[in-house]
Amino acid sequence: MLYNRIVVKVGTSTITHSTGKLDLRIIDKLSMVLSDIANRGIEVVLVTSGAIATGMTKTGLKKKPEDIAAKQAMAAIGQGLLVHIYEKMFSEYGKAIAQILLTKEDIFYDDRNANAKNTFNTLLKLGIIPIVNENDTVATDEIKFGDNDVLSAYVAKIIDADLLIILSDINGLYDRDPNLEGAKLIERVTHIDDTIRLISKGTNSAFGTGGMKTKINAAQIMFDNNITMVIANGRRIENIYDIISGKQVGTIFSREDS
């Protein structure tokens, strides 16, 4: 077995349709695959976006609010609905989940970091799959991560994971805008330099918050902690099987000596 403990991050654009409404087929398949992997004895943590988008759908909003109070309101409405759907899906495959909501304070304050680590370890020991999101309902600019790519990297660091898989709406990191003719997938990155940062300019969707730039920021955290990271297409959930088997999928971020 290559990996004992993994973190999987899924973005809003992966688990929603273009309408912003949840893609239940994708969520169901994700729940099945992660449950199956957990049955192999691999400990799994899922970091999921989508609370604000779910709240927007519930209230009929078509455009993401710009003021923080409205965003927090959408997160408050959507988070419970999102976790309820995950609970329903995972229970179909015999797995229990637990919700963990984090802010930067939970990462960078030693006592809270220790508490978070203990909670994760206890849940994983019990065979529970933690479902993690940023606590958007109370977070302000000073304590926000701002995106779940970086949050997932810190979660991987906290729990001493072997692998972080970021499921995206593209196949991985390209040498230029993937919409341009001739763009080539970069299969392996062994360090983050100015060239990598230059080609990772972030773009936001109508419902998500991340882009390739935030994924490169996450990759840097993983390099600093000697944890392998993979960016892969989340519309093909079965990619997770290939990744944990050591096959080349998407873009792998790993040191040359790893």
Foldseek 3Di string as FASTA:
>chain_A
DQWAEEEEEEWQPLQADLQLHGDLVLLLVLLQVVLVVVVVNHQYEYEYDRQLSQLCVVVVNRFRDDDLQNSLVSNVRRVVVVVVSNQVSNVVSVAAEAEDAAWQCCQPPVVSLVVVLVVSVVCSVVSYHYYYYHNSNPDDPVTHPQACLQVSLSVCVSNVTQEYEYADQDFAQWQAPPVDPPIDFAQEDADDDPSSLVRFDADADRNTRTGSNSNVVSLNSCNVVQHKYFYGHSNPVCVVVCVSVPHGTYYIYGHPVD
